[in-house]
């Protein structure tokens, strides 16, 4: 065998080839000392998103090519983003990939594709409806990060058209009504027929209906 493992008292094993430079051996010795001083099982622990030490999470996210990752997220959101990276890259460019990529955000996000909209929309476009709840903050950085994440997860021919944030509020509304009736009385001057002369060649036969209503107005006693 061209290489030889030497077990030092601190139980480290060098994997450098015989032709390694002094610089490489110095770096190897420093790394070996750091690993030997750490708890047993640190490396397997650091490979899991659920147990990786928090300062190492950005490096694990970069290794797994996590497209959406922010130091401003909670530790639970960052671990979820790293843990879902493998499943995300299996379906990248599809609707499930969008769902996985947007899941770590603290907002409730609904994807509305062009054929799901209530009115006509440009084909191969989609919107993001963002539910801000009653008190979730919304900053310009959130908008930019959301757009970048969606564009990284979607396929090449689909376009993000709009991002529609909405905030819900609660309160009490009082509606009342008062019934009202009105009668209108119109008084006209009676017409008086002075002369009625029918044509000599025509005979008129008719009748009339007369309705009278009496309105009595008295002064209060």
C-alpha atoms as a PDB file:
ATOM      1  CA  UNK A   1       0.000   0.000   0.000  1.00  0.00           C
ATOM      2  CA  UNK A   2       1.319   3.442  -0.877  1.00  0.00           C
ATOM      3  CA  UNK A   3      -0.167   5.140   2.216  1.00  0.00           C
ATOM      4  CA  UNK A   4       0.196   4.435   5.912  1.00  0.00           C
ATOM      5  CA  UNK A   5      -2.152   5.335   8.780  1.00  0.00           C
ATOM      6  CA  UNK A   6      -0.419   6.513  11.918  1.00  0.00           C
ATOM      7  CA  UNK A   7      -2.469   6.559  15.107  1.00  0.00           C
ATOM      8  CA  UNK A   8      -1.353   9.369  17.353  1.00  0.00           C
ATOM      9  CA  UNK A   9      -2.131   9.477  21.089  1.00  0.00           C
ATOM     10  CA  UNK A  10      -5.090  11.769  20.340  1.00  0.00           C
ATOM     11  CA  UNK A  11      -6.473   9.149  17.953  1.00  0.00           C
ATOM     12  CA  UNK A  12      -6.285  11.058  14.688  1.00  0.00           C
ATOM     13  CA  UNK A  13      -5.594   9.514  11.301  1.00  0.00           C
ATOM     14  CA  UNK A  14      -3.888  11.437   8.523  1.00  0.00           C
ATOM     15  CA  UNK A  15      -5.092  10.739   5.004  1.00  0.00           C
ATOM     16  CA  UNK A  16      -2.417  12.828   3.302  1.00  0.00           C
ATOM     17  CA  UNK A  17      -0.221  11.079   0.719  1.00  0.00           C
ATOM     18  CA  UNK A  18       3.521  10.736   1.332  1.00  0.00           C
ATOM     19  CA  UNK A  19       4.280  13.644  -0.994  1.00  0.00           C
ATOM     20  CA  UNK A  20       2.218  16.171   0.996  1.00  0.00           C
ATOM     21  CA  UNK A  21       3.813  19.557   1.577  1.00  0.00           C
ATOM     22  CA  UNK A  22       4.657  20.964   4.981  1.00  0.00           C
ATOM     23  CA  UNK A  23       1.783  23.439   4.632  1.00  0.00           C
ATOM     24  CA  UNK A  24      -0.713  20.647   3.963  1.00  0.00           C
ATOM     25  CA  UNK A  25       0.611  18.654   6.927  1.00  0.00           C
ATOM     26  CA  UNK A  26       0.288  21.709   9.194  1.00  0.00           C
ATOM     27  CA  UNK A  27      -3.325  22.273   8.141  1.00  0.00           C
ATOM     28  CA  UNK A  28      -4.009  18.562   8.575  1.00  0.00           C
ATOM     29  CA  UNK A  29      -2.606  18.610  12.088  1.00  0.00           C
ATOM     30  CA  UNK A  30      -4.710  21.615  13.081  1.00  0.00           C
ATOM     31  CA  UNK A  31      -7.888  20.072  11.681  1.00  0.00           C
ATOM     32  CA  UNK A  32      -7.130  16.767  13.354  1.00  0.00           C
ATOM     33  CA  UNK A  33      -6.637  18.479  16.698  1.00  0.00           C
ATOM     34  CA  UNK A  34      -9.938  20.339  16.378  1.00  0.00           C
ATOM     35  CA  UNK A  35     -11.830  17.167  15.491  1.00  0.00           C
ATOM     36  CA  UNK A  36     -10.179  15.250  18.322  1.00  0.00           C
ATOM     37  CA  UNK A  37     -11.262  17.869  20.850  1.00  0.00           C
ATOM     38  CA  UNK A  38     -14.910  17.831  19.682  1.00  0.00           C
ATOM     39  CA  UNK A  39     -17.488  15.397  21.082  1.00  0.00           C
ATOM     40  CA  UNK A  40     -17.676  11.927  19.607  1.00  0.00           C
ATOM     41  CA  UNK A  41     -20.102  11.746  16.696  1.00  0.00           C
ATOM     42  CA  UNK A  42     -19.813  15.406  15.729  1.00  0.00           C
ATOM     43  CA  UNK A  43     -19.327  14.726  12.024  1.00  0.00           C
ATOM     44  CA  UNK A  44     -22.416  12.473  11.655  1.00  0.00           C
ATOM     45  CA  UNK A  45     -24.362  14.994  13.719  1.00  0.00           C
ATOM     46  CA  UNK A  46     -23.237  17.877  11.511  1.00  0.00           C
ATOM     47  CA  UNK A  47     -24.483  16.063   8.408  1.00  0.00           C
ATOM     48  CA  UNK A  48     -28.097  16.151   9.545  1.00  0.00           C
ATOM     49  CA  UNK A  49     -30.140  19.324   9.269  1.00  0.00           C
ATOM     50  CA  UNK A  50     -32.015  18.524  12.482  1.00  0.00           C
ATOM     51  CA  UNK A  51     -28.859  18.175  14.618  1.00  0.00           C
ATOM     52  CA  UNK A  52     -26.265  20.298  12.838  1.00  0.00           C
ATOM     53  CA  UNK A  53     -24.810  23.028  15.100  1.00  0.00           C
ATOM     54  CA  UNK A  54     -26.369  26.372  14.269  1.00  0.00           C
ATOM     55  CA  UNK A  55     -23.100  28.110  13.216  1.00  0.00           C
ATOM     56  CA  UNK A  56     -22.503  25.320  10.697  1.00  0.00           C
ATOM     57  CA  UNK A  57     -25.934  25.427   9.093  1.00  0.00           C
ATOM     58  CA  UNK A  58     -24.999  27.996   6.385  1.00  0.00           C
ATOM     59  CA  UNK A  59     -22.170  25.708   5.229  1.00  0.00           C
ATOM     60  CA  UNK A  60     -24.467  22.690   5.109  1.00  0.00           C
ATOM     61  CA  UNK A  61     -27.024  24.769   3.166  1.00  0.00           C
ATOM     62  CA  UNK A  62     -24.352  25.830   0.656  1.00  0.00           C
ATOM     63  CA  UNK A  63     -23.195  22.242   0.242  1.00  0.00           C
ATOM     64  CA  UNK A  64     -26.737  21.096  -0.507  1.00  0.00           C
ATOM     65  CA  UNK A  65     -27.412  24.035  -2.860  1.00  0.00           C
ATOM     66  CA  UNK A  66     -30.294  25.484  -0.886  1.00  0.00           C
ATOM     67  CA  UNK A  67     -31.720  28.252  -3.096  1.00  0.00           C
ATOM     68  CA  UNK A  68     -33.676  30.034  -0.337  1.00  0.00           C
ATOM     69  CA  UNK A  69     -31.838  30.575   2.923  1.00  0.00           C
ATOM     70  CA  UNK A  70     -31.762  33.600   5.202  1.00  0.00           C
ATOM     71  CA  UNK A  71     -29.967  34.242   8.460  1.00  0.00           C
ATOM     72  CA  UNK A  72     -32.996  36.288   9.474  1.00  0.00           C
ATOM     73  CA  UNK A  73     -35.175  33.175   9.629  1.00  0.00           C
ATOM     74  CA  UNK A  74     -35.718  31.292  12.824  1.00  0.00           C
ATOM     75  CA  UNK A  75     -33.540  28.250  13.456  1.00  0.00           C
ATOM     76  CA  UNK A  76     -36.530  25.991  12.743  1.00  0.00           C
ATOM     77  CA  UNK A  77     -37.107  27.622   9.339  1.00  0.00           C
ATOM     78  CA  UNK A  78     -33.441  27.293   8.390  1.00  0.00           C
ATOM     79  CA  UNK A  79     -33.320  23.635   9.375  1.00  0.00           C
ATOM     80  CA  UNK A  80     -36.488  22.978   7.349  1.00  0.00           C
ATOM     81  CA  UNK A  81     -34.969  24.645   4.275  1.00  0.00           C
ATOM     82  CA  UNK A  82     -31.830  22.502   4.512  1.00  0.00           C
ATOM     83  CA  UNK A  83     -33.732  19.295   5.254  1.00  0.00           C
ATOM     84  CA  UNK A  84     -35.987  19.737   2.215  1.00  0.00           C
ATOM     85  CA  UNK A  85     -33.179  20.422  -0.247  1.00  0.00           C
ATOM     86  CA  UNK A  86     -32.896  16.887  -1.653  1.00  0.00           C
ATOM     87  CA  UNK A  87     -36.660  16.549  -2.200  1.00  0.00           C
ATOM     88  CA  UNK A  88     -36.722  20.035  -3.752  1.00  0.00           C
ATOM     89  CA  UNK A  89     -34.004  19.317  -6.313  1.00  0.00           C
ATOM     90  CA  UNK A  90     -35.715  16.087  -7.379  1.00  0.00           C
ATOM     91  CA  UNK A  91     -38.744  18.071  -8.621  1.00  0.00           C
ATOM     92  CA  UNK A  92     -37.183  21.463  -9.362  1.00  0.00           C
ATOM     93  CA  UNK A  93     -39.090  23.258 -12.114  1.00  0.00           C
ATOM     94  CA  UNK A  94     -42.506  21.869 -11.121  1.00  0.00           C
ATOM     95  CA  UNK A  95     -45.408  23.045  -8.983  1.00  0.00           C
ATOM     96  CA  UNK A  96     -44.356  20.831  -6.019  1.00  0.00           C
ATOM     97  CA  UNK A  97     -40.906  22.451  -6.146  1.00  0.00           C
ATOM     98  CA  UNK A  98     -42.520  25.863  -5.707  1.00  0.00           C
ATOM     99  CA  UNK A  99     -44.457  24.565  -2.711  1.00  0.00           C
ATOM    100  CA  UNK A 100     -41.294  23.166  -1.113  1.00  0.00           C
ATOM    101  CA  UNK A 101     -39.229  26.276  -1.817  1.00  0.00           C
ATOM    102  CA  UNK A 102     -41.812  28.657  -0.343  1.00  0.00           C
ATOM    103  CA  UNK A 103     -42.630  26.540   2.698  1.00  0.00           C
ATOM    104  CA  UNK A 104     -39.932  27.964   5.018  1.00  0.00           C
ATOM    105  CA  UNK A 105     -41.337  31.486   4.681  1.00  0.00           C
ATOM    106  CA  UNK A 106     -43.361  32.602   7.682  1.00  0.00           C
ATOM    107  CA  UNK A 107     -46.241  33.778   5.499  1.00  0.00           C
ATOM    108  CA  UNK A 108     -49.140  31.750   4.205  1.00  0.00           C
ATOM    109  CA  UNK A 109     -48.451  31.618   0.462  1.00  0.00           C
ATOM    110  CA  UNK A 110     -50.922  30.362  -2.143  1.00  0.00           C
ATOM    111  CA  UNK A 111     -49.826  29.742  -5.731  1.00  0.00           C
ATOM    112  CA  UNK A 112     -52.476  30.740  -8.286  1.00  0.00           C
ATOM    113  CA  UNK A 113     -51.668  29.624 -11.821  1.00  0.00           C
ATOM    114  CA  UNK A 114     -53.169  31.314 -14.862  1.00  0.00           C
ATOM    115  CA  UNK A 115     -55.789  28.604 -15.444  1.00  0.00           C
ATOM    116  CA  UNK A 116     -56.885  28.774 -11.780  1.00  0.00           C
ATOM    117  CA  UNK A 117     -57.585  32.521 -11.759  1.00  0.00           C
ATOM    118  CA  UNK A 118     -61.269  33.619 -11.748  1.00  0.00           C
ATOM    119  CA  UNK A 119     -60.702  35.913 -14.741  1.00  0.00           C
ATOM    120  CA  UNK A 120     -58.610  35.616 -17.897  1.00  0.00           C
ATOM    121  CA  UNK A 121     -54.855  35.720 -17.325  1.00  0.00           C
ATOM    122  CA  UNK A 122     -51.884  35.532 -19.610  1.00  0.00           C
ATOM    123  CA  UNK A 123     -51.059  31.843 -20.231  1.00  0.00           C
ATOM    124  CA  UNK A 124     -48.093  30.327 -18.399  1.00  0.00           C
ATOM    125  CA  UNK A 125     -48.096  32.920 -15.627  1.00  0.00           C
ATOM    126  CA  UNK A 126     -48.809  32.594 -11.939  1.00  0.00           C
ATOM    127  CA  UNK A 127     -49.405  34.801  -8.899  1.00  0.00           C
ATOM    128  CA  UNK A 128     -48.370  34.473  -5.286  1.00  0.00           C
ATOM    129  CA  UNK A 129     -51.100  35.373  -2.798  1.00  0.00           C
ATOM    130  CA  UNK A 130     -49.378  36.172   0.508  1.00  0.00           C
ATOM    131  CA  UNK A 131     -51.408  36.031   3.715  1.00  0.00           C
ATOM    132  CA  UNK A 132     -49.801  38.359   6.266  1.00  0.00           C
ATOM    133  CA  UNK A 133     -52.277  37.460   8.979  1.00  0.00           C
ATOM    134  CA  UNK A 134     -52.984  40.252  11.427  1.00  0.00           C
ATOM    135  CA  UNK A 135     -49.516  41.219  12.628  1.00  0.00           C
ATOM    136  CA  UNK A 136     -46.785  39.671  10.435  1.00  0.00           C
ATOM    137  CA  UNK A 137     -44.294  42.295   9.178  1.00  0.00           C
ATOM    138  CA  UNK A 138     -43.770  42.780   5.447  1.00  0.00           C
ATOM    139  CA  UNK A 139     -40.592  44.439   4.180  1.00  0.00           C
ATOM    140  CA  UNK A 140     -39.098  45.118   0.771  1.00  0.00           C
ATOM    141  CA  UNK A 141     -36.438  42.488   1.520  1.00  0.00           C
ATOM    142  CA  UNK A 142     -39.193  39.892   2.032  1.00  0.00           C
ATOM    143  CA  UNK A 143     -40.641  40.762  -1.372  1.00  0.00           C
ATOM    144  CA  UNK A 144     -37.248  40.489  -3.101  1.00  0.00           C
ATOM    145  CA  UNK A 145     -36.409  37.185  -1.390  1.00  0.00           C
ATOM    146  CA  UNK A 146     -39.831  35.748  -2.249  1.00  0.00           C
ATOM    147  CA  UNK A 147     -39.491  36.683  -5.930  1.00  0.00           C
ATOM    148  CA  UNK A 148     -35.940  35.293  -6.132  1.00  0.00           C
ATOM    149  CA  UNK A 149     -36.992  32.016  -4.507  1.00  0.00           C
ATOM    150  CA  UNK A 150     -39.984  31.560  -6.810  1.00  0.00           C
ATOM    151  CA  UNK A 151     -37.938  32.342  -9.923  1.00  0.00           C
ATOM    152  CA  UNK A 152     -35.294  29.810  -8.886  1.00  0.00           C
ATOM    153  CA  UNK A 153     -37.856  27.047  -8.332  1.00  0.00           C
ATOM    154  CA  UNK A 154     -40.126  27.542 -11.358  1.00  0.00           C
ATOM    155  CA  UNK A 155     -39.568  26.164 -14.844  1.00  0.00           C
ATOM    156  CA  UNK A 156     -38.054  28.237 -17.641  1.00  0.00           C
ATOM    157  CA  UNK A 157     -41.216  29.111 -19.592  1.00  0.00           C
ATOM    158  CA  UNK A 158     -43.429  30.111 -16.643  1.00  0.00           C
ATOM    159  CA  UNK A 159     -43.440  33.730 -15.463  1.00  0.00           C
ATOM    160  CA  UNK A 160     -44.209  35.113 -12.025  1.00  0.00           C
ATOM    161  CA  UNK A 161     -46.725  37.846 -12.777  1.00  0.00           C
ATOM    162  CA  UNK A 162     -47.720  39.345  -9.432  1.00  0.00           C
ATOM    163  CA  UNK A 163     -47.161  39.079  -5.705  1.00  0.00           C
ATOM    164  CA  UNK A 164     -50.332  40.026  -3.811  1.00  0.00           C
ATOM    165  CA  UNK A 165     -49.802  40.540  -0.070  1.00  0.00           C
ATOM    166  CA  UNK A 166     -52.984  40.851   2.010  1.00  0.00           C
ATOM    167  CA  UNK A 167     -53.487  41.516   5.701  1.00  0.00           C
ATOM    168  CA  UNK A 168     -56.470  40.340   7.708  1.00  0.00           C
ATOM    169  CA  UNK A 169     -58.077  42.491  10.371  1.00  0.00           C
ATOM    170  CA  UNK A 170     -60.881  41.843  12.807  1.00  0.00           C
ATOM    171  CA  UNK A 171     -63.374  44.157  14.479  1.00  0.00           C
ATOM    172  CA  UNK A 172     -67.032  44.824  15.127  1.00  0.00           C
ATOM    173  CA  UNK A 173     -69.422  46.438  12.686  1.00  0.00           C
ATOM    174  CA  UNK A 174     -72.863  47.674  13.716  1.00  0.00           C
ATOM    175  CA  UNK A 175     -75.574  48.092  11.116  1.00  0.00           C
ATOM    176  CA  UNK A 176     -78.996  49.507  11.949  1.00  0.00           C
ATOM    177  CA  UNK A 177     -82.119  50.584  10.108  1.00  0.00           C
ATOM    178  CA  UNK A 178     -85.239  52.599  10.906  1.00  0.00           C
ATOM    179  CA  UNK A 179     -88.432  51.955   8.932  1.00  0.00           C
ATOM    180  CA  UNK A 180     -90.022  55.020   7.441  1.00  0.00           C
ATOM    181  CA  UNK A 181     -93.272  55.486   5.494  1.00  0.00           C
ATOM    182  CA  UNK A 182     -94.467  58.510   3.609  1.00  0.00           C
ATOM    183  CA  UNK A 183     -97.771  59.419   1.988  1.00  0.00           C
ATOM    184  CA  UNK A 184     -98.047  62.197  -0.495  1.00  0.00           C
ATOM    185  CA  UNK A 185    -101.188  64.288  -0.819  1.00  0.00           C
ATOM    186  CA  UNK A 186    -101.582  66.419  -3.931  1.00  0.00           C
ATOM    187  CA  UNK A 187    -104.427  68.985  -4.089  1.00  0.00           C
ATOM    188  CA  UNK A 188    -105.331  70.408  -7.496  1.00  0.00           C
ATOM    189  CA  UNK A 189    -107.874  72.981  -8.509  1.00  0.00           C
ATOM    190  CA  UNK A 190    -111.045  71.396  -9.876  1.00  0.00           C
ATOM    191  CA  UNK A 191    -111.721  72.008 -13.558  1.00  0.00           C
ATOM    192  CA  UNK A 192    -115.014  73.577 -14.484  1.00  0.00           C
ATOM    193  CA  UNK A 193    -116.548  72.755 -17.875  1.00  0.00           C
ATOM    194  CA  UNK A 194    -118.332  75.778 -19.206  1.00  0.00           C
ATOM    195  CA  UNK A 195    -119.678  74.563 -22.561  1.00  0.00           C
ATOM    196  CA  UNK A 196    -119.760  71.122 -24.135  1.00  0.00           C
ATOM    197  CA  UNK A 197    -120.867  71.023 -27.741  1.00  0.00           C
ATOM    198  CA  UNK A 198    -120.707  67.593 -29.416  1.00  0.00           C
ATOM    199  CA  UNK A 199    -120.353  67.384 -33.202  1.00  0.00           C
ATOM    200  CA  UNK A 200    -123.706  66.987 -34.932  1.00  0.00           C
ATOM    201  CA  UNK A 201    -122.774  63.735 -36.626  1.00  0.00           C
ATOM    202  CA  UNK A 202    -121.556  61.890 -33.535  1.00  0.00           C
ATOM    203  CA  UNK A 203    -123.333  60.618 -30.493  1.00  0.00           C
ATOM    204  CA  UNK A 204    -121.342  60.069 -27.270  1.00  0.00           C
ATOM    205  CA  UNK A 205    -122.473  57.660 -24.646  1.00  0.00           C
ATOM    206  CA  UNK A 206    -120.309  57.364 -21.582  1.00  0.00           C
ATOM    207  CA  UNK A 207    -120.139  56.995 -17.896  1.00  0.00           C
ATOM    208  CA  UNK A 208    -117.966  58.219 -15.099  1.00  0.00           C
ATOM    209  CA  UNK A 209    -116.766  57.058 -11.745  1.00  0.00           C
ATOM    210  CA  UNK A 210    -116.308  59.577  -9.046  1.00  0.00           C
ATOM    211  CA  UNK A 211    -114.338  58.793  -5.925  1.00  0.00           C
ATOM    212  CA  UNK A 212    -114.191  61.222  -3.116  1.00  0.00           C
ATOM    213  CA  UNK A 213    -112.011  61.158  -0.037  1.00  0.00           C
ATOM    214  CA  UNK A 214    -112.501  63.604   2.754  1.00  0.00           C
ATOM    215  CA  UNK A 215    -109.517  64.921   4.647  1.00  0.00           C
ATOM    216  CA  UNK A 216    -110.481  66.571   7.872  1.00  0.00           C
ATOM    217  CA  UNK A 217    -107.929  68.752   9.598  1.00  0.00           C
ATOM    218  CA  UNK A 218    -108.748  69.873  13.110  1.00  0.00           C
ATOM    219  CA  UNK A 219    -106.776  72.033  15.438  1.00  0.00           C
ATOM    220  CA  UNK A 220    -105.531  70.447  18.632  1.00  0.00           C
ATOM    221  CA  UNK A 221    -107.612  71.229  21.680  1.00  0.00           C
END
